[in-house]
N, C-alpha and C. Protein backbone atom coordinates (compact mmCIF):
# COMPACT_ATOMS: atom_id res chain seq x y z
N MET A 1 26.35 20.83 -68.86
CA MET A 1 25.28 21.77 -68.85
C MET A 1 24.51 21.73 -67.53
N ALA A 2 24.29 20.49 -67.04
CA ALA A 2 23.58 20.34 -65.78
C ALA A 2 24.34 20.91 -64.60
N ASP A 3 25.72 20.75 -64.64
CA ASP A 3 26.56 21.35 -63.62
C ASP A 3 26.48 22.88 -63.59
N GLU A 4 26.43 23.48 -64.80
CA GLU A 4 26.34 24.92 -64.87
C GLU A 4 24.98 25.43 -64.32
N MET A 5 23.92 24.75 -64.52
CA MET A 5 22.62 25.07 -63.98
C MET A 5 22.67 25.03 -62.43
N LYS A 6 23.31 24.02 -61.85
CA LYS A 6 23.34 23.89 -60.44
C LYS A 6 24.13 25.06 -59.79
N GLN A 7 25.20 25.53 -60.45
CA GLN A 7 26.02 26.55 -59.92
C GLN A 7 25.32 27.86 -59.91
N SER A 8 24.48 28.19 -60.90
CA SER A 8 23.83 29.45 -61.01
C SER A 8 22.62 29.58 -60.11
N GLU A 9 22.00 28.46 -59.70
CA GLU A 9 20.84 28.48 -58.84
C GLU A 9 21.29 28.22 -57.37
N PRO A 10 20.67 28.95 -56.43
CA PRO A 10 21.03 28.68 -55.02
C PRO A 10 20.57 27.28 -54.66
N ASN A 11 21.28 26.72 -53.70
CA ASN A 11 20.97 25.37 -53.24
C ASN A 11 19.56 25.32 -52.63
N ASP A 12 18.81 24.30 -52.96
CA ASP A 12 17.39 24.21 -52.48
C ASP A 12 17.32 24.04 -50.94
N SER A 13 18.38 23.57 -50.32
CA SER A 13 18.25 23.30 -48.86
C SER A 13 18.60 24.55 -48.05
N ARG A 14 18.86 25.68 -48.75
CA ARG A 14 19.05 26.97 -47.99
C ARG A 14 17.74 27.34 -47.39
N GLY A 15 17.88 27.98 -46.22
CA GLY A 15 16.69 28.47 -45.53
C GLY A 15 17.06 29.60 -44.64
N TRP A 16 16.07 30.43 -44.27
CA TRP A 16 16.29 31.50 -43.38
C TRP A 16 15.82 31.04 -41.96
N TYR A 17 16.71 31.28 -40.98
CA TYR A 17 16.40 30.86 -39.64
C TYR A 17 16.52 32.05 -38.70
N VAL A 18 15.80 31.95 -37.61
CA VAL A 18 15.82 33.08 -36.63
C VAL A 18 16.59 32.61 -35.40
N LEU A 19 17.59 33.43 -35.06
CA LEU A 19 18.37 33.20 -33.85
C LEU A 19 17.89 34.05 -32.74
N HIS A 20 17.82 33.50 -31.55
CA HIS A 20 17.47 34.24 -30.38
C HIS A 20 18.78 34.65 -29.70
N THR A 21 18.89 35.99 -29.39
CA THR A 21 20.10 36.50 -28.75
C THR A 21 19.70 37.29 -27.49
N TYR A 22 20.71 37.67 -26.73
CA TYR A 22 20.40 38.57 -25.64
C TYR A 22 20.02 39.93 -26.22
N SER A 23 18.96 40.54 -25.73
CA SER A 23 18.51 41.84 -26.23
C SER A 23 19.58 42.85 -26.10
N GLY A 24 19.78 43.65 -27.17
CA GLY A 24 20.84 44.66 -27.14
C GLY A 24 22.15 44.18 -27.75
N TYR A 25 22.25 42.84 -27.96
CA TYR A 25 23.53 42.31 -28.49
C TYR A 25 23.38 41.85 -29.95
N GLU A 26 22.29 42.27 -30.62
CA GLU A 26 22.01 41.78 -31.97
C GLU A 26 23.16 42.13 -32.93
N GLY A 27 23.63 43.40 -32.93
CA GLY A 27 24.71 43.84 -33.79
C GLY A 27 26.04 43.08 -33.44
N ASN A 28 26.25 42.91 -32.21
CA ASN A 28 27.44 42.20 -31.72
C ASN A 28 27.39 40.77 -32.22
N VAL A 29 26.30 40.10 -32.10
CA VAL A 29 26.10 38.70 -32.54
C VAL A 29 26.34 38.61 -34.02
N ALA A 30 25.78 39.53 -34.80
CA ALA A 30 25.94 39.53 -36.27
C ALA A 30 27.40 39.67 -36.67
N ARG A 31 28.07 40.60 -36.02
CA ARG A 31 29.49 40.86 -36.27
C ARG A 31 30.33 39.63 -35.94
N ASN A 32 30.11 39.06 -34.73
CA ASN A 32 30.85 37.84 -34.34
C ASN A 32 30.60 36.63 -35.22
N LEU A 33 29.36 36.48 -35.62
CA LEU A 33 29.00 35.39 -36.49
C LEU A 33 29.64 35.53 -37.86
N ARG A 34 29.66 36.76 -38.44
CA ARG A 34 30.34 36.99 -39.72
C ARG A 34 31.82 36.66 -39.60
N GLN A 35 32.44 37.02 -38.47
CA GLN A 35 33.87 36.68 -38.29
C GLN A 35 34.09 35.19 -38.15
N ARG A 36 33.23 34.52 -37.45
CA ARG A 36 33.35 33.06 -37.27
C ARG A 36 33.15 32.33 -38.63
N ILE A 37 32.20 32.81 -39.42
CA ILE A 37 31.96 32.18 -40.73
C ILE A 37 33.22 32.28 -41.59
N GLU A 38 33.85 33.46 -41.57
CA GLU A 38 35.05 33.69 -42.35
C GLU A 38 36.25 32.84 -41.83
N SER A 39 36.45 32.89 -40.55
CA SER A 39 37.64 32.20 -39.96
C SER A 39 37.47 30.69 -40.02
N MET A 40 36.24 30.16 -39.98
CA MET A 40 36.07 28.72 -40.00
C MET A 40 35.71 28.19 -41.41
N GLY A 41 35.76 29.09 -42.42
CA GLY A 41 35.53 28.66 -43.79
C GLY A 41 34.13 28.13 -44.07
N MET A 42 33.10 28.79 -43.48
CA MET A 42 31.72 28.29 -43.63
C MET A 42 30.91 29.16 -44.62
N GLU A 43 31.60 29.85 -45.52
CA GLU A 43 30.88 30.72 -46.49
C GLU A 43 30.01 29.87 -47.44
N ASP A 44 30.30 28.62 -47.60
CA ASP A 44 29.50 27.75 -48.51
C ASP A 44 28.26 27.20 -47.82
N LYS A 45 28.13 27.38 -46.49
CA LYS A 45 26.96 26.87 -45.75
C LYS A 45 26.16 27.97 -45.04
N ILE A 46 26.81 29.06 -44.64
CA ILE A 46 26.15 30.19 -44.03
C ILE A 46 26.33 31.41 -44.90
N PHE A 47 25.21 31.98 -45.41
CA PHE A 47 25.31 32.98 -46.45
C PHE A 47 25.10 34.42 -46.02
N GLN A 48 24.03 34.65 -45.27
CA GLN A 48 23.72 36.02 -44.85
C GLN A 48 23.32 36.08 -43.40
N VAL A 49 23.75 37.17 -42.77
CA VAL A 49 23.36 37.46 -41.35
C VAL A 49 22.75 38.83 -41.35
N VAL A 50 21.49 38.95 -40.91
CA VAL A 50 20.76 40.21 -40.94
C VAL A 50 20.16 40.56 -39.59
N VAL A 51 20.35 41.76 -39.13
CA VAL A 51 19.68 42.32 -37.97
C VAL A 51 18.54 43.18 -38.52
N PRO A 52 17.27 42.73 -38.37
CA PRO A 52 16.14 43.50 -38.95
C PRO A 52 15.96 44.89 -38.28
N THR A 53 16.14 45.95 -39.10
CA THR A 53 15.95 47.31 -38.59
C THR A 53 15.11 48.13 -39.55
N GLU A 54 14.56 49.22 -39.06
CA GLU A 54 13.72 50.09 -39.89
C GLU A 54 14.02 51.51 -39.48
N LYS A 55 14.01 52.40 -40.46
CA LYS A 55 14.24 53.83 -40.21
C LYS A 55 12.92 54.43 -39.69
N LYS A 56 13.04 55.26 -38.64
CA LYS A 56 11.90 55.93 -38.06
C LYS A 56 12.28 57.39 -37.81
N ILE A 57 11.24 58.25 -37.76
CA ILE A 57 11.49 59.64 -37.50
C ILE A 57 10.99 59.95 -36.08
N ARG A 58 11.85 60.65 -35.34
CA ARG A 58 11.50 60.96 -33.95
C ARG A 58 11.77 62.48 -33.76
N VAL A 59 10.85 63.16 -33.07
CA VAL A 59 11.07 64.56 -32.74
C VAL A 59 11.45 64.65 -31.32
N LYS A 60 12.63 65.19 -31.07
CA LYS A 60 13.10 65.34 -29.69
C LYS A 60 13.60 66.79 -29.51
N SER A 61 13.12 67.50 -28.55
CA SER A 61 13.45 68.87 -28.26
C SER A 61 13.24 69.74 -29.50
N GLY A 62 12.15 69.48 -30.23
CA GLY A 62 11.81 70.27 -31.42
C GLY A 62 12.63 69.96 -32.65
N LYS A 63 13.58 69.03 -32.56
CA LYS A 63 14.39 68.68 -33.74
C LYS A 63 14.01 67.25 -34.22
N ARG A 64 14.02 67.14 -35.54
CA ARG A 64 13.73 65.87 -36.14
C ARG A 64 14.98 64.97 -36.27
N GLN A 65 14.85 63.76 -35.88
CA GLN A 65 15.97 62.81 -36.01
C GLN A 65 15.47 61.55 -36.70
N THR A 66 16.27 61.04 -37.66
CA THR A 66 15.96 59.78 -38.27
C THR A 66 16.81 58.72 -37.53
N ILE A 67 16.16 57.74 -36.95
CA ILE A 67 16.87 56.73 -36.20
C ILE A 67 16.61 55.35 -36.80
N GLU A 68 17.52 54.42 -36.56
CA GLU A 68 17.27 53.03 -36.98
C GLU A 68 16.83 52.29 -35.70
N GLU A 69 15.65 51.70 -35.85
CA GLU A 69 15.09 50.98 -34.71
C GLU A 69 14.99 49.45 -35.11
N LYS A 70 15.34 48.64 -34.14
CA LYS A 70 15.27 47.22 -34.35
C LYS A 70 13.80 46.77 -34.45
N LEU A 71 13.49 45.98 -35.51
CA LEU A 71 12.13 45.48 -35.67
C LEU A 71 11.81 44.40 -34.61
N PHE A 72 12.80 43.52 -34.37
CA PHE A 72 12.61 42.42 -33.47
C PHE A 72 13.79 42.38 -32.48
N PRO A 73 13.72 43.13 -31.40
CA PRO A 73 14.84 43.14 -30.46
C PRO A 73 15.04 41.72 -29.95
N GLY A 74 16.31 41.30 -29.91
CA GLY A 74 16.68 39.96 -29.42
C GLY A 74 16.72 38.89 -30.46
N TYR A 75 16.54 39.29 -31.75
CA TYR A 75 16.54 38.30 -32.81
C TYR A 75 17.44 38.73 -34.01
N VAL A 76 18.05 37.73 -34.61
CA VAL A 76 18.91 37.90 -35.81
C VAL A 76 18.50 36.88 -36.82
N LEU A 77 18.43 37.27 -38.12
CA LEU A 77 18.10 36.32 -39.17
C LEU A 77 19.36 35.78 -39.83
N VAL A 78 19.41 34.49 -40.13
CA VAL A 78 20.55 33.87 -40.77
C VAL A 78 20.07 32.99 -41.92
N GLN A 79 20.68 33.18 -43.10
CA GLN A 79 20.38 32.32 -44.22
C GLN A 79 21.52 31.26 -44.28
N MET A 80 21.11 29.99 -44.23
CA MET A 80 22.14 28.99 -44.13
C MET A 80 21.56 27.59 -44.53
N ILE A 81 22.48 26.66 -44.76
CA ILE A 81 22.14 25.26 -44.99
C ILE A 81 22.45 24.59 -43.63
N VAL A 82 21.46 23.99 -43.01
CA VAL A 82 21.68 23.39 -41.69
C VAL A 82 22.42 22.04 -41.84
N THR A 83 23.65 22.03 -41.32
CA THR A 83 24.41 20.77 -41.18
C THR A 83 24.95 20.79 -39.79
N GLU A 84 25.54 19.66 -39.37
CA GLU A 84 26.13 19.62 -38.02
C GLU A 84 27.16 20.75 -37.82
N ASP A 85 28.01 20.97 -38.85
CA ASP A 85 29.06 21.99 -38.72
C ASP A 85 28.49 23.41 -38.65
N SER A 86 27.56 23.71 -39.60
CA SER A 86 27.05 25.07 -39.62
C SER A 86 26.22 25.34 -38.35
N TRP A 87 25.47 24.37 -37.91
CA TRP A 87 24.64 24.54 -36.73
C TRP A 87 25.53 24.79 -35.48
N TYR A 88 26.62 24.10 -35.42
CA TYR A 88 27.60 24.25 -34.32
C TYR A 88 28.17 25.64 -34.31
N VAL A 89 28.58 26.15 -35.49
CA VAL A 89 29.23 27.47 -35.62
C VAL A 89 28.22 28.54 -35.10
N VAL A 90 27.00 28.47 -35.59
CA VAL A 90 25.99 29.48 -35.19
C VAL A 90 25.61 29.34 -33.72
N ARG A 91 25.31 28.15 -33.29
CA ARG A 91 24.85 27.92 -31.90
C ARG A 91 25.89 28.36 -30.87
N ASN A 92 27.16 28.21 -31.21
CA ASN A 92 28.24 28.52 -30.26
C ASN A 92 28.83 29.93 -30.44
N THR A 93 28.14 30.78 -31.14
CA THR A 93 28.56 32.17 -31.24
C THR A 93 28.21 32.87 -29.92
N PRO A 94 29.11 33.68 -29.37
CA PRO A 94 28.83 34.36 -28.10
C PRO A 94 27.53 35.11 -28.16
N ASN A 95 26.72 35.09 -27.13
CA ASN A 95 25.47 35.77 -26.91
C ASN A 95 24.29 35.22 -27.73
N VAL A 96 24.46 34.11 -28.36
CA VAL A 96 23.37 33.40 -29.03
C VAL A 96 22.80 32.41 -28.04
N THR A 97 21.46 32.51 -27.82
CA THR A 97 20.84 31.60 -26.86
C THR A 97 20.19 30.43 -27.55
N GLY A 98 20.05 30.48 -28.86
CA GLY A 98 19.50 29.32 -29.60
C GLY A 98 18.73 29.76 -30.82
N PHE A 99 18.23 28.72 -31.52
CA PHE A 99 17.37 28.99 -32.70
C PHE A 99 15.91 29.01 -32.28
N VAL A 100 15.09 29.74 -33.05
CA VAL A 100 13.67 29.75 -32.78
C VAL A 100 13.12 28.57 -33.55
N GLY A 101 12.32 27.72 -32.88
CA GLY A 101 11.75 26.55 -33.50
C GLY A 101 11.30 25.58 -32.44
N SER A 102 10.66 24.53 -32.88
CA SER A 102 10.20 23.52 -31.88
C SER A 102 11.21 22.44 -31.76
N GLY A 103 11.46 22.00 -30.57
CA GLY A 103 12.44 20.93 -30.32
C GLY A 103 13.88 21.36 -30.56
N THR A 104 14.72 20.44 -30.96
CA THR A 104 16.11 20.75 -31.12
C THR A 104 16.45 21.18 -32.57
N THR A 105 15.58 20.95 -33.52
CA THR A 105 15.82 21.30 -34.90
C THR A 105 15.27 22.69 -35.20
N PRO A 106 16.13 23.56 -35.78
CA PRO A 106 15.65 24.87 -36.14
C PRO A 106 14.56 24.80 -37.25
N THR A 107 13.61 25.72 -37.17
CA THR A 107 12.53 25.72 -38.16
C THR A 107 12.74 26.95 -39.05
N PRO A 108 12.73 26.69 -40.42
CA PRO A 108 12.97 27.82 -41.32
C PRO A 108 11.74 28.73 -41.42
N VAL A 109 12.02 30.01 -41.70
CA VAL A 109 11.02 31.02 -41.86
C VAL A 109 10.63 30.96 -43.37
N SER A 110 9.39 31.17 -43.71
CA SER A 110 8.94 31.18 -45.16
C SER A 110 9.62 32.25 -45.93
N GLN A 111 9.89 31.99 -47.17
CA GLN A 111 10.60 32.97 -48.07
C GLN A 111 9.68 34.22 -48.27
N ASP A 112 8.37 34.05 -48.30
CA ASP A 112 7.47 35.16 -48.43
C ASP A 112 7.65 36.15 -47.28
N GLU A 113 7.71 35.58 -46.09
CA GLU A 113 7.82 36.41 -44.90
C GLU A 113 9.18 37.17 -44.93
N ILE A 114 10.24 36.48 -45.32
CA ILE A 114 11.55 37.13 -45.43
C ILE A 114 11.53 38.20 -46.51
N ASN A 115 10.94 37.97 -47.65
CA ASN A 115 10.84 38.96 -48.70
C ASN A 115 10.09 40.25 -48.22
N ARG A 116 8.99 40.07 -47.45
CA ARG A 116 8.30 41.21 -46.94
C ARG A 116 9.15 41.98 -45.95
N LEU A 117 9.85 41.28 -45.12
CA LEU A 117 10.74 41.90 -44.11
C LEU A 117 11.88 42.64 -44.77
N LEU A 118 12.56 42.03 -45.76
CA LEU A 118 13.63 42.67 -46.45
C LEU A 118 13.17 43.89 -47.21
N LYS A 119 11.97 43.85 -47.79
CA LYS A 119 11.41 44.98 -48.52
C LYS A 119 11.14 46.15 -47.49
N ARG A 120 10.60 45.79 -46.33
CA ARG A 120 10.36 46.79 -45.33
C ARG A 120 11.65 47.44 -44.83
N MET A 121 12.68 46.64 -44.70
CA MET A 121 13.96 47.16 -44.24
C MET A 121 14.62 48.04 -45.32
N GLY A 122 14.35 47.69 -46.62
CA GLY A 122 14.99 48.37 -47.75
C GLY A 122 14.45 49.77 -48.06
N GLU A 123 13.34 50.15 -47.45
CA GLU A 123 12.82 51.44 -47.67
C GLU A 123 13.75 52.56 -47.13
N GLN A 124 14.22 53.39 -48.12
CA GLN A 124 15.28 54.35 -47.75
C GLN A 124 14.75 55.50 -46.87
N GLU A 125 13.73 56.12 -47.28
CA GLU A 125 13.17 57.25 -46.49
C GLU A 125 11.91 56.79 -45.78
N PRO A 126 11.79 57.15 -44.51
CA PRO A 126 10.56 56.83 -43.82
C PRO A 126 9.43 57.59 -44.44
N LYS A 127 8.25 57.00 -44.50
CA LYS A 127 7.08 57.62 -45.11
C LYS A 127 6.44 58.59 -44.09
N TYR A 128 5.92 59.69 -44.61
CA TYR A 128 5.16 60.60 -43.78
C TYR A 128 3.67 60.31 -43.96
N LYS A 129 3.03 60.02 -42.86
CA LYS A 129 1.57 59.78 -42.99
C LYS A 129 0.87 60.88 -42.19
N MET A 130 0.24 61.77 -42.96
CA MET A 130 -0.40 62.90 -42.36
C MET A 130 -1.90 62.68 -42.33
N ASP A 131 -2.48 62.70 -41.17
CA ASP A 131 -3.95 62.51 -41.08
C ASP A 131 -4.66 63.87 -40.82
N VAL A 132 -4.06 64.95 -41.22
CA VAL A 132 -4.68 66.27 -41.06
C VAL A 132 -4.74 66.93 -42.46
N SER A 133 -5.69 67.83 -42.61
CA SER A 133 -5.79 68.59 -43.86
C SER A 133 -6.06 70.03 -43.48
N GLU A 134 -6.02 70.91 -44.49
CA GLU A 134 -6.23 72.33 -44.27
C GLU A 134 -7.60 72.59 -43.58
N GLY A 135 -7.59 73.45 -42.59
CA GLY A 135 -8.82 73.74 -41.90
C GLY A 135 -9.02 72.97 -40.62
N ASP A 136 -8.28 71.86 -40.42
CA ASP A 136 -8.44 71.04 -39.20
C ASP A 136 -7.84 71.77 -38.02
N MET A 137 -8.46 71.58 -36.85
CA MET A 137 -7.94 72.09 -35.59
C MET A 137 -6.97 71.08 -34.97
N VAL A 138 -5.80 71.60 -34.55
CA VAL A 138 -4.79 70.72 -33.99
C VAL A 138 -4.24 71.31 -32.68
N LYS A 139 -3.64 70.45 -31.87
CA LYS A 139 -3.00 70.88 -30.65
C LYS A 139 -1.47 70.60 -30.87
N ILE A 140 -0.66 71.53 -30.47
CA ILE A 140 0.77 71.39 -30.60
C ILE A 140 1.29 70.66 -29.37
N MET A 141 2.00 69.50 -29.64
CA MET A 141 2.42 68.64 -28.51
C MET A 141 3.90 68.82 -28.13
N ASP A 142 4.67 69.55 -28.95
CA ASP A 142 6.10 69.67 -28.70
C ASP A 142 6.62 70.95 -29.24
N GLY A 143 7.71 71.46 -28.70
CA GLY A 143 8.34 72.69 -29.17
C GLY A 143 7.92 73.90 -28.38
N PRO A 144 8.35 75.11 -28.83
CA PRO A 144 8.09 76.34 -28.11
C PRO A 144 6.59 76.70 -27.97
N PHE A 145 5.77 76.16 -28.88
CA PHE A 145 4.32 76.46 -28.81
C PHE A 145 3.52 75.30 -28.24
N LYS A 146 4.16 74.52 -27.44
CA LYS A 146 3.53 73.34 -26.81
C LYS A 146 2.24 73.81 -26.10
N GLU A 147 1.16 72.98 -26.19
CA GLU A 147 -0.15 73.21 -25.59
C GLU A 147 -0.98 74.27 -26.32
N PHE A 148 -0.44 74.96 -27.29
CA PHE A 148 -1.23 75.86 -28.11
C PHE A 148 -2.13 75.09 -29.07
N GLU A 149 -3.28 75.70 -29.42
CA GLU A 149 -4.16 75.09 -30.40
C GLU A 149 -4.21 76.05 -31.61
N GLY A 150 -4.40 75.49 -32.79
CA GLY A 150 -4.47 76.31 -33.97
C GLY A 150 -5.15 75.57 -35.11
N LYS A 151 -5.25 76.30 -36.20
CA LYS A 151 -5.91 75.80 -37.45
C LYS A 151 -4.82 75.51 -38.48
N VAL A 152 -4.88 74.37 -39.14
CA VAL A 152 -3.95 74.02 -40.17
C VAL A 152 -4.22 74.89 -41.40
N SER A 153 -3.15 75.62 -41.88
CA SER A 153 -3.36 76.44 -43.06
C SER A 153 -2.72 75.89 -44.28
N GLU A 154 -1.71 74.98 -44.09
CA GLU A 154 -1.01 74.45 -45.20
C GLU A 154 -0.29 73.12 -44.80
N THR A 155 -0.27 72.16 -45.72
CA THR A 155 0.48 70.88 -45.43
C THR A 155 1.47 70.62 -46.54
N ASN A 156 2.59 70.06 -46.17
CA ASN A 156 3.64 69.72 -47.13
C ASN A 156 4.03 68.28 -46.85
N GLU A 157 3.39 67.38 -47.57
CA GLU A 157 3.59 65.94 -47.28
C GLU A 157 4.97 65.46 -47.69
N ALA A 158 5.61 66.13 -48.69
CA ALA A 158 6.94 65.73 -49.12
C ALA A 158 7.94 65.96 -48.06
N LYS A 159 7.79 67.09 -47.30
CA LYS A 159 8.76 67.42 -46.23
C LYS A 159 8.27 66.90 -44.92
N GLY A 160 6.97 66.60 -44.78
CA GLY A 160 6.45 66.14 -43.49
C GLY A 160 6.19 67.31 -42.52
N THR A 161 5.93 68.51 -43.11
CA THR A 161 5.70 69.68 -42.28
C THR A 161 4.30 70.17 -42.56
N ILE A 162 3.81 71.01 -41.60
CA ILE A 162 2.52 71.73 -41.76
C ILE A 162 2.65 73.14 -41.18
N LYS A 163 1.83 74.05 -41.69
CA LYS A 163 1.74 75.40 -41.12
C LYS A 163 0.47 75.51 -40.35
N VAL A 164 0.58 75.94 -39.12
CA VAL A 164 -0.58 76.09 -38.24
C VAL A 164 -0.74 77.59 -37.85
N LEU A 165 -1.95 78.07 -37.92
CA LEU A 165 -2.17 79.47 -37.51
C LEU A 165 -2.50 79.44 -36.03
N VAL A 166 -1.62 80.03 -35.22
CA VAL A 166 -1.73 80.03 -33.77
C VAL A 166 -2.07 81.48 -33.30
N ASN A 167 -2.99 81.58 -32.36
CA ASN A 167 -3.39 82.89 -31.86
C ASN A 167 -2.38 83.31 -30.80
N VAL A 168 -1.54 84.32 -31.16
CA VAL A 168 -0.54 84.85 -30.20
C VAL A 168 -0.81 86.36 -30.05
N PHE A 169 -1.11 86.81 -28.85
CA PHE A 169 -1.41 88.16 -28.54
C PHE A 169 -2.55 88.72 -29.43
N GLY A 170 -3.57 87.93 -29.64
CA GLY A 170 -4.72 88.32 -30.38
C GLY A 170 -4.55 88.32 -31.89
N ARG A 171 -3.45 87.88 -32.39
CA ARG A 171 -3.20 87.79 -33.84
C ARG A 171 -2.94 86.37 -34.25
N GLU A 172 -3.38 86.00 -35.42
CA GLU A 172 -3.09 84.71 -35.94
C GLU A 172 -1.69 84.72 -36.56
N THR A 173 -0.84 83.83 -36.03
CA THR A 173 0.56 83.80 -36.46
C THR A 173 0.80 82.43 -37.06
N PRO A 174 1.39 82.36 -38.31
CA PRO A 174 1.66 81.06 -38.91
C PRO A 174 2.94 80.48 -38.29
N VAL A 175 2.85 79.20 -37.92
CA VAL A 175 3.97 78.48 -37.30
C VAL A 175 4.21 77.21 -38.11
N GLU A 176 5.44 77.04 -38.61
CA GLU A 176 5.75 75.77 -39.35
C GLU A 176 6.22 74.73 -38.37
N LEU A 177 5.57 73.61 -38.45
CA LEU A 177 5.85 72.49 -37.51
C LEU A 177 6.08 71.18 -38.21
N ASP A 178 6.69 70.26 -37.56
CA ASP A 178 6.83 68.91 -38.04
C ASP A 178 5.50 68.22 -37.75
N PHE A 179 5.00 67.35 -38.63
CA PHE A 179 3.74 66.70 -38.42
C PHE A 179 3.72 65.86 -37.13
N LEU A 180 4.94 65.46 -36.64
CA LEU A 180 5.00 64.65 -35.44
C LEU A 180 4.80 65.56 -34.17
N GLN A 181 4.80 66.86 -34.33
CA GLN A 181 4.66 67.77 -33.22
C GLN A 181 3.22 68.13 -32.89
N ILE A 182 2.25 67.66 -33.71
CA ILE A 182 0.86 68.03 -33.55
C ILE A 182 0.00 66.81 -33.32
N LYS A 183 -1.20 67.13 -32.78
CA LYS A 183 -2.23 66.11 -32.58
C LYS A 183 -3.55 66.70 -32.99
N LYS A 184 -4.29 65.95 -33.81
CA LYS A 184 -5.61 66.45 -34.31
C LYS A 184 -6.58 66.48 -33.14
N ILE A 185 -7.35 67.54 -33.09
CA ILE A 185 -8.38 67.65 -32.00
C ILE A 185 -9.69 67.07 -32.51
């Protein structure tokens, strides 16, 4: 019975550690480390390798793009049990410059911090935060109506869009824009 309990619960000496890598090589390091874990049979000591990323919305040339942006460029998270073998495998992975911590011993990150980070990474759709409401005056910052000013007539928080009444040739014309294309005046 005691043996069954031990198998179902993760080992208490597991911890999350932060690896410092060359910036821009985070994905490469994660891929190489996963291959090294498999080829050296370290699955029982090194469990997860995570590059912390977050989805963001960017408007470029009037078009909305969802991109994945690294939360901590130059860092990779590793869940492992620190032994001489596991430390050697991780430390000698190409483009790894070392562990984050004081002295020669890696310092684990608190589980609460990891849980918050993993929750932040797990959000599927980026949230739209609109700080404008109907009747507000806004300036258009991007797109064909750049530099025009207008009044917000409608907001759609689900889509992240707004309708702005813009004065074109003496008439108010409704223009549908992405909320990232405007700035509140």
